[in-house]
C-alpha atoms as a PDB file:
ATOM      1  CA  MET A   1     -41.081  56.106  28.544  1.00  0.00           C
ATOM      2  CA  THR A   2     -39.990  56.834  32.139  1.00  0.00           C
ATOM      3  CA  SER A   3     -37.048  59.222  32.570  1.00  0.00           C
ATOM      4  CA  LEU A   4     -34.442  59.010  35.339  1.00  0.00           C
ATOM      5  CA  SER A   5     -33.794  61.808  37.788  1.00  0.00           C
ATOM      6  CA  SER A   6     -30.380  63.355  38.182  1.00  0.00           C
ATOM      7  CA  LYS A   7     -29.873  61.449  41.440  1.00  0.00           C
ATOM      8  CA  GLN A   8     -30.743  58.125  39.800  1.00  0.00           C
ATOM      9  CA  LEU A   9     -28.376  58.831  36.898  1.00  0.00           C
ATOM     10  CA  ARG A  10     -25.566  59.569  39.338  1.00  0.00           C
ATOM     11  CA  THR A  11     -26.285  56.275  41.122  1.00  0.00           C
ATOM     12  CA  VAL A  12     -26.193  54.276  37.863  1.00  0.00           C
ATOM     13  CA  PHE A  13     -22.993  56.008  36.769  1.00  0.00           C
ATOM     14  CA  ALA A  14     -21.353  55.252  40.098  1.00  0.00           C
ATOM     15  CA  PHE A  15     -22.383  51.611  39.831  1.00  0.00           C
ATOM     16  CA  LEU A  16     -20.866  51.330  36.386  1.00  0.00           C
ATOM     17  CA  GLN A  17     -17.575  52.620  37.740  1.00  0.00           C
ATOM     18  CA  ARG A  18     -17.234  49.559  39.987  1.00  0.00           C
ATOM     19  CA  PRO A  19     -15.039  46.631  38.680  1.00  0.00           C
ATOM     20  CA  SER A  20     -17.564  44.105  39.974  1.00  0.00           C
ATOM     21  CA  CYS A  21     -20.134  45.553  37.607  1.00  0.00           C
ATOM     22  CA  TRP A  22     -18.086  44.699  34.510  1.00  0.00           C
ATOM     23  CA  VAL A  23     -17.445  41.171  35.770  1.00  0.00           C
ATOM     24  CA  LEU A  24     -21.191  40.670  36.169  1.00  0.00           C
ATOM     25  CA  LEU A  25     -21.901  42.039  32.683  1.00  0.00           C
ATOM     26  CA  CYS A  26     -19.283  39.692  31.132  1.00  0.00           C
ATOM     27  CA  LEU A  27     -20.868  36.682  32.825  1.00  0.00           C
ATOM     28  CA  VAL A  28     -24.299  37.655  31.525  1.00  0.00           C
ATOM     29  CA  PHE A  29     -22.865  38.022  27.994  1.00  0.00           C
ATOM     30  CA  VAL A  30     -21.247  34.552  28.095  1.00  0.00           C
ATOM     31  CA  VAL A  31     -24.444  32.901  29.317  1.00  0.00           C
ATOM     32  CA  LEU A  32     -26.539  34.551  26.616  1.00  0.00           C
ATOM     33  CA  CYS A  33     -24.113  33.755  23.775  1.00  0.00           C
ATOM     34  CA  HIS A  34     -23.277  30.164  24.725  1.00  0.00           C
ATOM     35  CA  PRO A  35     -26.432  28.513  23.271  1.00  0.00           C
ATOM     36  CA  ALA A  36     -25.913  30.243  19.915  1.00  0.00           C
ATOM     37  CA  ALA A  37     -22.261  29.226  19.776  1.00  0.00           C
ATOM     38  CA  ALA A  38     -23.092  25.619  20.649  1.00  0.00           C
ATOM     39  CA  GLN A  39     -25.766  25.504  17.981  1.00  0.00           C
ATOM     40  CA  ASN A  40     -23.360  26.822  15.336  1.00  0.00           C
ATOM     41  CA  ALA A  41     -20.693  24.264  16.318  1.00  0.00           C
ATOM     42  CA  GLN A  42     -23.145  21.392  16.034  1.00  0.00           C
ATOM     43  CA  SER A  43     -24.355  22.427  12.575  1.00  0.00           C
ATOM     44  CA  ARG A  44     -20.840  22.941  11.139  1.00  0.00           C
ATOM     45  CA  PRO A  45     -19.840  20.220   8.601  1.00  0.00           C
ATOM     46  CA  VAL A  46     -16.933  17.939   9.505  1.00  0.00           C
ATOM     47  CA  ALA A  47     -14.496  16.465   6.984  1.00  0.00           C
ATOM     48  CA  ARG A  48     -12.249  13.423   7.569  1.00  0.00           C
ATOM     49  CA  LEU A  49      -9.423  12.052   5.458  1.00  0.00           C
ATOM     50  CA  VAL A  50      -8.457   8.383   5.548  1.00  0.00           C
ATOM     51  CA  THR A  51      -5.422   6.884   3.848  1.00  0.00           C
ATOM     52  CA  SER A  52      -3.940   3.418   3.575  1.00  0.00           C
ATOM     53  CA  ILE A  53      -0.346   2.433   2.938  1.00  0.00           C
ATOM     54  CA  ALA A  54      -0.871  -1.333   3.147  1.00  0.00           C
ATOM     55  CA  PRO A  55      -1.983  -3.514   0.244  1.00  0.00           C
ATOM     56  CA  PRO A  56      -5.538  -4.774   0.551  1.00  0.00           C
ATOM     57  CA  SER A  57      -5.901  -8.149   2.200  1.00  0.00           C
ATOM     58  CA  PRO A  58      -6.699 -10.748  -0.456  1.00  0.00           C
ATOM     59  CA  ARG A  59      -9.630 -13.074   0.017  1.00  0.00           C
ATOM     60  CA  ARG A  60      -8.818 -16.724   0.607  1.00  0.00           C
ATOM     61  CA  VAL A  61     -10.082 -18.771  -2.283  1.00  0.00           C
ATOM     62  CA  VAL A  62      -8.947 -22.337  -1.545  1.00  0.00           C
ATOM     63  CA  THR A  63      -7.570 -24.387   1.309  1.00  0.00           C
ATOM     64  CA  PRO A  64      -4.254 -22.957   2.608  1.00  0.00           C
ATOM     65  CA  THR A  65      -1.083 -24.880   1.825  1.00  0.00           C
ATOM     66  CA  SER A  66       2.509 -24.714   3.050  1.00  0.00           C
ATOM     67  CA  ASP A  67       4.012 -26.883   0.283  1.00  0.00           C
ATOM     68  CA  TYR A  68       7.098 -25.262  -1.269  1.00  0.00           C
ATOM     69  CA  SER A  69       8.422 -28.283  -3.133  1.00  0.00           C
ATOM     70  CA  ALA A  70       8.835 -27.805  -6.871  1.00  0.00           C
ATOM     71  CA  PRO A  71       5.679 -28.897  -8.758  1.00  0.00           C
ATOM     72  CA  ALA A  72       6.132 -31.390 -11.555  1.00  0.00           C
ATOM     73  CA  ALA A  73       4.414 -29.539 -14.377  1.00  0.00           C
ATOM     74  CA  LEU A  74       5.599 -25.930 -14.164  1.00  0.00           C
ATOM     75  CA  LEU A  75       6.571 -24.154 -17.361  1.00  0.00           C
ATOM     76  CA  ALA A  76      10.296 -23.733 -17.950  1.00  0.00           C
ATOM     77  CA  SER A  77      10.670 -20.977 -20.558  1.00  0.00           C
ATOM     78  CA  ALA A  78       9.571 -17.389 -21.019  1.00  0.00           C
ATOM     79  CA  ALA A  79       7.800 -18.366 -24.244  1.00  0.00           C
ATOM     80  CA  ALA A  80       5.557 -20.714 -22.249  1.00  0.00           C
ATOM     81  CA  ALA A  81       4.705 -18.119 -19.579  1.00  0.00           C
ATOM     82  CA  ASN A  82       1.187 -16.695 -19.520  1.00  0.00           C
ATOM     83  CA  SER A  83       0.314 -13.331 -21.052  1.00  0.00           C
ATOM     84  CA  ILE A  84       0.479 -11.417 -17.746  1.00  0.00           C
ATOM     85  CA  GLU A  85       3.927 -12.806 -16.950  1.00  0.00           C
ATOM     86  CA  ARG A  86       5.282 -12.132 -20.442  1.00  0.00           C
ATOM     87  CA  ARG A  87       3.878  -8.612 -20.440  1.00  0.00           C
ATOM     88  CA  ALA A  88       5.416  -7.773 -17.057  1.00  0.00           C
ATOM     89  CA  PHE A  89       8.764  -9.298 -18.030  1.00  0.00           C
ATOM     90  CA  GLU A  90       8.858  -7.321 -21.281  1.00  0.00           C
ATOM     91  CA  LYS A  91       7.946  -4.059 -19.526  1.00  0.00           C
ATOM     92  CA  MET A  92      10.627  -4.698 -16.916  1.00  0.00           C
ATOM     93  CA  ASN A  93      13.323  -5.202 -19.579  1.00  0.00           C
ATOM     94  CA  LEU A  94      12.101  -2.172 -21.528  1.00  0.00           C
ATOM     95  CA  ALA A  95      12.610  -0.091 -18.384  1.00  0.00           C
ATOM     96  CA  ARG A  96      16.156  -1.422 -18.087  1.00  0.00           C
ATOM     97  CA  VAL A  97      16.983  -0.692 -21.727  1.00  0.00           C
ATOM     98  CA  LYS A  98      15.598   2.853 -21.414  1.00  0.00           C
ATOM     99  CA  ASN A  99      17.992   3.319 -18.502  1.00  0.00           C
ATOM    100  CA  ARG A 100      20.963   1.990 -20.540  1.00  0.00           C
ATOM    101  CA  LEU A 101      21.064  -1.371 -18.780  1.00  0.00           C
ATOM    102  CA  SER A 102      21.224  -4.818 -20.323  1.00  0.00           C
ATOM    103  CA  PRO A 103      17.946  -6.791 -20.340  1.00  0.00           C
ATOM    104  CA  LEU A 104      17.723  -9.663 -17.877  1.00  0.00           C
ATOM    105  CA  ALA A 105      17.625 -13.287 -19.021  1.00  0.00           C
ATOM    106  CA  TRP A 106      14.680 -15.505 -18.122  1.00  0.00           C
ATOM    107  CA  ASP A 107      15.444 -18.032 -15.376  1.00  0.00           C
ATOM    108  CA  ALA A 108      13.332 -21.183 -15.139  1.00  0.00           C
ATOM    109  CA  ASP A 109      14.160 -21.826 -11.469  1.00  0.00           C
ATOM    110  CA  LEU A 110      13.119 -18.294 -10.529  1.00  0.00           C
ATOM    111  CA  TYR A 111       9.922 -18.763 -12.514  1.00  0.00           C
ATOM    112  CA  ARG A 112       9.053 -21.832 -10.475  1.00  0.00           C
ATOM    113  CA  MET A 113       9.861 -20.004  -7.254  1.00  0.00           C
ATOM    114  CA  ALA A 114       7.824 -16.929  -8.261  1.00  0.00           C
ATOM    115  CA  ARG A 115       4.794 -18.958  -9.362  1.00  0.00           C
ATOM    116  CA  ILE A 116       4.759 -20.875  -6.080  1.00  0.00           C
ATOM    117  CA  HIS A 117       4.975 -17.720  -3.979  1.00  0.00           C
ATOM    118  CA  SER A 118       2.205 -15.898  -5.874  1.00  0.00           C
ATOM    119  CA  GLU A 119      -0.117 -18.876  -5.538  1.00  0.00           C
ATOM    120  CA  LYS A 120       0.678 -19.321  -1.870  1.00  0.00           C
ATOM    121  CA  MET A 121      -0.026 -15.659  -1.092  1.00  0.00           C
ATOM    122  CA  ALA A 122      -3.422 -15.955  -2.779  1.00  0.00           C
ATOM    123  CA  ARG A 123      -4.357 -19.236  -1.123  1.00  0.00           C
ATOM    124  CA  ASP A 124      -3.075 -18.452   2.362  1.00  0.00           C
ATOM    125  CA  GLY A 125      -4.407 -14.882   2.417  1.00  0.00           C
ATOM    126  CA  TYR A 126      -1.231 -12.864   3.035  1.00  0.00           C
ATOM    127  CA  PHE A 127       0.942 -10.364   1.139  1.00  0.00           C
ATOM    128  CA  SER A 128       4.579 -10.484   2.177  1.00  0.00           C
ATOM    129  CA  HIS A 129       8.064 -11.656   1.242  1.00  0.00           C
ATOM    130  CA  VAL A 130       7.887 -13.898   4.327  1.00  0.00           C
ATOM    131  CA  THR A 131       5.477 -16.846   4.454  1.00  0.00           C
ATOM    132  CA  PRO A 132       3.242 -17.507   7.491  1.00  0.00           C
ATOM    133  CA  GLU A 133       5.656 -20.334   8.355  1.00  0.00           C
ATOM    134  CA  GLY A 134       8.558 -17.866   8.467  1.00  0.00           C
ATOM    135  CA  MET A 135      10.222 -18.806   5.152  1.00  0.00           C
ATOM    136  CA  ARG A 136      12.197 -15.851   3.799  1.00  0.00           C
ATOM    137  CA  LEU A 137      13.544 -15.211   0.321  1.00  0.00           C
ATOM    138  CA  ARG A 138      16.683 -17.315   0.762  1.00  0.00           C
ATOM    139  CA  ASP A 139      14.680 -20.158   2.303  1.00  0.00           C
ATOM    140  CA  ARG A 140      12.233 -20.190  -0.599  1.00  0.00           C
ATOM    141  CA  ALA A 141      15.104 -20.186  -3.089  1.00  0.00           C
ATOM    142  CA  ARG A 142      16.664 -23.231  -1.460  1.00  0.00           C
ATOM    143  CA  ALA A 143      13.286 -24.985  -1.391  1.00  0.00           C
ATOM    144  CA  VAL A 144      13.188 -24.972  -5.221  1.00  0.00           C
ATOM    145  CA  GLY A 145      16.814 -26.026  -5.610  1.00  0.00           C
ATOM    146  CA  ILE A 146      18.554 -22.646  -5.910  1.00  0.00           C
ATOM    147  CA  LEU A 147      21.499 -23.285  -3.606  1.00  0.00           C
ATOM    148  CA  HIS A 148      24.230 -20.995  -4.934  1.00  0.00           C
ATOM    149  CA  PHE A 149      23.906 -17.317  -5.818  1.00  0.00           C
ATOM    150  CA  SER A 150      25.740 -14.069  -5.185  1.00  0.00           C
ATOM    151  CA  VAL A 151      22.769 -11.689  -5.265  1.00  0.00           C
ATOM    152  CA  LEU A 152      19.040 -12.379  -4.887  1.00  0.00           C
ATOM    153  CA  GLY A 153      16.116  -9.950  -4.868  1.00  0.00           C
ATOM    154  CA  GLU A 154      12.324  -9.910  -5.136  1.00  0.00           C
ATOM    155  CA  ASN A 155       9.388  -7.619  -5.903  1.00  0.00           C
ATOM    156  CA  ILE A 156       5.750  -8.559  -5.234  1.00  0.00           C
ATOM    157  CA  ALA A 157       2.518  -6.922  -6.358  1.00  0.00           C
ATOM    158  CA  TYR A 158      -1.239  -7.337  -5.983  1.00  0.00           C
ATOM    159  CA  ASN A 159      -3.943  -5.736  -8.093  1.00  0.00           C
ATOM    160  CA  GLN A 160      -7.508  -6.292  -9.218  1.00  0.00           C
ATOM    161  CA  GLY A 161      -9.693  -4.854 -11.965  1.00  0.00           C
ATOM    162  CA  TYR A 162      -6.974  -3.642 -14.363  1.00  0.00           C
ATOM    163  CA  ASP A 163      -7.009  -4.537 -18.066  1.00  0.00           C
ATOM    164  CA  ASP A 164      -3.216  -4.929 -18.124  1.00  0.00           C
ATOM    165  CA  PRO A 165      -2.209  -6.166 -14.647  1.00  0.00           C
ATOM    166  CA  GLY A 166       1.346  -7.064 -15.681  1.00  0.00           C
ATOM    167  CA  ALA A 167       2.166  -3.637 -17.087  1.00  0.00           C
ATOM    168  CA  PHE A 168       0.364  -1.946 -14.190  1.00  0.00           C
ATOM    169  CA  ALA A 169       2.492  -3.854 -11.650  1.00  0.00           C
ATOM    170  CA  VAL A 170       5.726  -2.812 -13.360  1.00  0.00           C
ATOM    171  CA  GLU A 171       4.505   0.791 -13.532  1.00  0.00           C
ATOM    172  CA  LYS A 172       3.876   0.794  -9.778  1.00  0.00           C
ATOM    173  CA  TRP A 173       7.183  -0.940  -9.056  1.00  0.00           C
ATOM    174  CA  MET A 174       8.993   1.735 -11.077  1.00  0.00           C
ATOM    175  CA  SER A 175       7.352   4.495  -9.022  1.00  0.00           C
ATOM    176  CA  SER A 176       8.567   2.936  -5.756  1.00  0.00           C
ATOM    177  CA  PRO A 177      12.245   3.604  -4.905  1.00  0.00           C
ATOM    178  CA  GLY A 178      12.979   0.168  -3.450  1.00  0.00           C
ATOM    179  CA  HIS A 179      11.252  -1.821  -6.197  1.00  0.00           C
ATOM    180  CA  ARG A 180      12.717   0.416  -8.898  1.00  0.00           C
ATOM    181  CA  ALA A 181      16.194  -0.198  -7.471  1.00  0.00           C
ATOM    182  CA  ASN A 182      15.719  -3.949  -7.974  1.00  0.00           C
ATOM    183  CA  ILE A 183      14.514  -3.562 -11.570  1.00  0.00           C
ATOM    184  CA  LEU A 184      17.359  -1.197 -12.485  1.00  0.00           C
ATOM    185  CA  SER A 185      20.106  -2.882 -10.506  1.00  0.00           C
ATOM    186  CA  PRO A 186      23.236  -3.550 -12.621  1.00  0.00           C
ATOM    187  CA  GLU A 187      24.080  -6.430 -10.278  1.00  0.00           C
ATOM    188  CA  PHE A 188      21.311  -8.762 -11.484  1.00  0.00           C
ATOM    189  CA  ARG A 189      21.742 -10.993 -14.531  1.00  0.00           C
ATOM    190  CA  ALA A 190      18.482 -12.976 -14.670  1.00  0.00           C
ATOM    191  CA  SER A 191      14.876 -12.745 -13.534  1.00  0.00           C
ATOM    192  CA  ALA A 192      11.411 -14.268 -13.872  1.00  0.00           C
ATOM    193  CA  ILE A 193       7.859 -13.288 -13.020  1.00  0.00           C
ATOM    194  CA  GLY A 194       5.273 -15.738 -11.742  1.00  0.00           C
ATOM    195  CA  THR A 195       1.600 -14.933 -11.253  1.00  0.00           C
ATOM    196  CA  PHE A 196      -1.552 -16.387  -9.811  1.00  0.00           C
ATOM    197  CA  VAL A 197      -5.094 -15.192 -10.537  1.00  0.00           C
ATOM    198  CA  SER A 198      -7.652 -15.887  -7.786  1.00  0.00           C
ATOM    199  CA  ALA A 199     -11.267 -16.814  -8.425  1.00  0.00           C
ATOM    200  CA  ASP A 200     -12.333 -13.220  -7.669  1.00  0.00           C
ATOM    201  CA  GLY A 201      -9.948 -11.814 -10.294  1.00  0.00           C
ATOM    202  CA  SER A 202      -7.214 -10.704  -7.880  1.00  0.00           C
ATOM    203  CA  VAL A 203      -3.784 -10.945  -9.521  1.00  0.00           C
ATOM    204  CA  PHE A 204      -0.701 -11.758  -7.448  1.00  0.00           C
ATOM    205  CA  LEU A 205       2.703 -11.150  -9.041  1.00  0.00           C
ATOM    206  CA  THR A 206       6.131 -12.172  -7.805  1.00  0.00           C
ATOM    207  CA  GLN A 207       9.276 -10.999  -9.567  1.00  0.00           C
ATOM    208  CA  VAL A 208      12.584 -12.578  -8.549  1.00  0.00           C
ATOM    209  CA  PHE A 209      16.089 -11.430  -9.551  1.00  0.00           C
ATOM    210  CA  ILE A 210      19.376 -13.317  -9.326  1.00  0.00           C
ATOM    211  CA  THR A 211      23.062 -13.378 -10.130  1.00  0.00           C
ATOM    212  CA  ARG A 212      24.515 -16.822  -9.702  1.00  0.00           C
END
């Protein structure tokens, strides 16, 4: 190993005292460390979170239709409703009773209106209180002959793959402030739930409330 003379040591020490020397050393350090830092950044795992607040878009199963006239052979009583509709209606009234409210009566006109809307959502591939033609809740009520009312409300739901879709819909409605407010509103006197099950098993539910 070669040793430095006293004169050489004094020269090195004097060089180190210069500000420009430290700037040069910092630059060398950055250049040497950059490849290692870049390599570590590239090998670090990345996590991403994705959320959705919109209902899934249902698949169209038949030719779209814009017909909102009352069909001739729709059921008129709660006893004749299908099992999903009866289950949802019962769960809805149970929720009202648990909250010290009177159960709602079944309304045949609302049933017709709800059935039509659920089927139309499935067939036309949308999920909304407003139809693609721009028909809103009041418009759809008039289309089935409901011309006079003081209060009118509606909840809609969509689900697939559940053993009890009617009860599941009511459960989700009750966990949503706006939908829960409709179910537990003391203003409403009657209601009905109409459903439509698509070929792929998707269940569309429409629940309408009214005080005439």
